[in-house]
Amino acid sequence: AEGASVDDVLALLVELGTHTSPLLSTHGDVVEALLGHDSEKGSIWVIEHRGGKLAKLEYLGPPA
């Protein structure tokens, strides 16, 4: 949800990722809080949760 804390999102990723690879859609403020910078609207980040931290694996820009 818009305004969600980083801790809440990480807890959700841990909960969902126990037996699956979750796909999340969120608001720009949450992406900025998680990744430390803005992201273009409509873009996609492929990330992995590794030992309590997020690893950025791939960035896909928004469709033209």
C-alpha atoms as a PDB file:
ATOM      1  CA  ALA A   1       0.000   0.000   0.000  1.00  0.00           C
ATOM      2  CA  GLU A   2       1.070   3.573  -0.534  1.00  0.00           C
ATOM      3  CA  GLY A   3       3.037   4.721   2.489  1.00  0.00           C
ATOM      4  CA  ALA A   4       3.996   1.188   3.568  1.00  0.00           C
ATOM      5  CA  SER A   5       7.195   0.922   5.569  1.00  0.00           C
ATOM      6  CA  VAL A   6      10.256  -0.928   4.333  1.00  0.00           C
ATOM      7  CA  ASP A   7       9.925  -3.333   7.272  1.00  0.00           C
ATOM      8  CA  ASP A   8       6.326  -4.146   6.317  1.00  0.00           C
ATOM      9  CA  VAL A   9       7.278  -4.830   2.696  1.00  0.00           C
ATOM     10  CA  LEU A  10      10.255  -6.984   3.681  1.00  0.00           C
ATOM     11  CA  ALA A  11       8.043  -8.968   6.072  1.00  0.00           C
ATOM     12  CA  LEU A  12       5.547  -9.517   3.247  1.00  0.00           C
ATOM     13  CA  LEU A  13       8.318 -10.674   0.895  1.00  0.00           C
ATOM     14  CA  VAL A  14       9.575 -13.139   3.501  1.00  0.00           C
ATOM     15  CA  GLU A  15       6.059 -14.415   4.176  1.00  0.00           C
ATOM     16  CA  LEU A  16       5.169 -14.823   0.492  1.00  0.00           C
ATOM     17  CA  GLY A  17       8.570 -16.047  -0.616  1.00  0.00           C
ATOM     18  CA  THR A  18       8.710 -19.050   1.676  1.00  0.00           C
ATOM     19  CA  HIS A  19       7.484 -21.409  -1.038  1.00  0.00           C
ATOM     20  CA  THR A  20       7.068 -19.118  -4.054  1.00  0.00           C
ATOM     21  CA  SER A  21       8.623 -16.236  -5.975  1.00  0.00           C
ATOM     22  CA  PRO A  22       6.210 -13.367  -5.290  1.00  0.00           C
ATOM     23  CA  LEU A  23       5.332 -10.637  -7.754  1.00  0.00           C
ATOM     24  CA  LEU A  24       4.438  -7.315  -6.150  1.00  0.00           C
ATOM     25  CA  SER A  25       3.015  -4.139  -7.617  1.00  0.00           C
ATOM     26  CA  THR A  26       3.335  -0.997  -5.546  1.00  0.00           C
ATOM     27  CA  HIS A  27       3.514   2.787  -5.461  1.00  0.00           C
ATOM     28  CA  GLY A  28       6.545   4.912  -6.279  1.00  0.00           C
ATOM     29  CA  ASP A  29       7.099   5.991  -2.680  1.00  0.00           C
ATOM     30  CA  VAL A  30       7.428   2.355  -1.609  1.00  0.00           C
ATOM     31  CA  VAL A  31       9.860   1.592  -4.460  1.00  0.00           C
ATOM     32  CA  GLU A  32      11.931   4.620  -3.476  1.00  0.00           C
ATOM     33  CA  ALA A  33      11.995   3.526   0.182  1.00  0.00           C
ATOM     34  CA  LEU A  34      12.996  -0.038  -0.766  1.00  0.00           C
ATOM     35  CA  LEU A  35      15.591   0.749  -3.421  1.00  0.00           C
ATOM     36  CA  GLY A  36      16.832   4.158  -2.317  1.00  0.00           C
ATOM     37  CA  HIS A  37      15.912   6.075  -5.474  1.00  0.00           C
ATOM     38  CA  ASP A  38      13.022   7.005  -7.742  1.00  0.00           C
ATOM     39  CA  SER A  39      11.781   4.675 -10.433  1.00  0.00           C
ATOM     40  CA  GLU A  40       9.941   5.537 -13.631  1.00  0.00           C
ATOM     41  CA  LYS A  41       6.196   4.929 -13.594  1.00  0.00           C
ATOM     42  CA  GLY A  42       5.463   1.603 -15.289  1.00  0.00           C
ATOM     43  CA  SER A  43       8.984   0.236 -14.814  1.00  0.00           C
ATOM     44  CA  ILE A  44       9.817  -3.158 -13.378  1.00  0.00           C
ATOM     45  CA  TRP A  45      12.521  -4.163 -10.926  1.00  0.00           C
ATOM     46  CA  VAL A  46      13.570  -7.774 -10.549  1.00  0.00           C
ATOM     47  CA  ILE A  47      14.864  -8.115  -7.004  1.00  0.00           C
ATOM     48  CA  GLU A  48      15.827 -10.917  -4.687  1.00  0.00           C
ATOM     49  CA  HIS A  49      15.592 -11.066  -0.923  1.00  0.00           C
ATOM     50  CA  ARG A  50      18.956 -12.274   0.386  1.00  0.00           C
ATOM     51  CA  GLY A  51      19.572 -12.544   4.107  1.00  0.00           C
ATOM     52  CA  GLY A  52      17.319  -9.659   5.074  1.00  0.00           C
ATOM     53  CA  LYS A  53      18.462  -7.368   2.253  1.00  0.00           C
ATOM     54  CA  LEU A  54      17.220  -6.703  -1.260  1.00  0.00           C
ATOM     55  CA  ALA A  55      19.520  -7.398  -4.195  1.00  0.00           C
ATOM     56  CA  LYS A  56      18.677  -5.544  -7.426  1.00  0.00           C
ATOM     57  CA  LEU A  57      19.016  -8.021 -10.273  1.00  0.00           C
ATOM     58  CA  GLU A  58      17.459  -6.323 -13.291  1.00  0.00           C
ATOM     59  CA  TYR A  59      15.698  -3.095 -14.285  1.00  0.00           C
ATOM     60  CA  LEU A  60      13.147  -3.024 -17.094  1.00  0.00           C
ATOM     61  CA  GLY A  61      12.105   0.451 -18.201  1.00  0.00           C
ATOM     62  CA  PRO A  62       8.489   1.333 -18.896  1.00  0.00           C
ATOM     63  CA  PRO A  63       7.051   0.397 -22.298  1.00  0.00           C
ATOM     64  CA  ALA A  64       7.457   3.045 -24.957  1.00  0.00           C
END
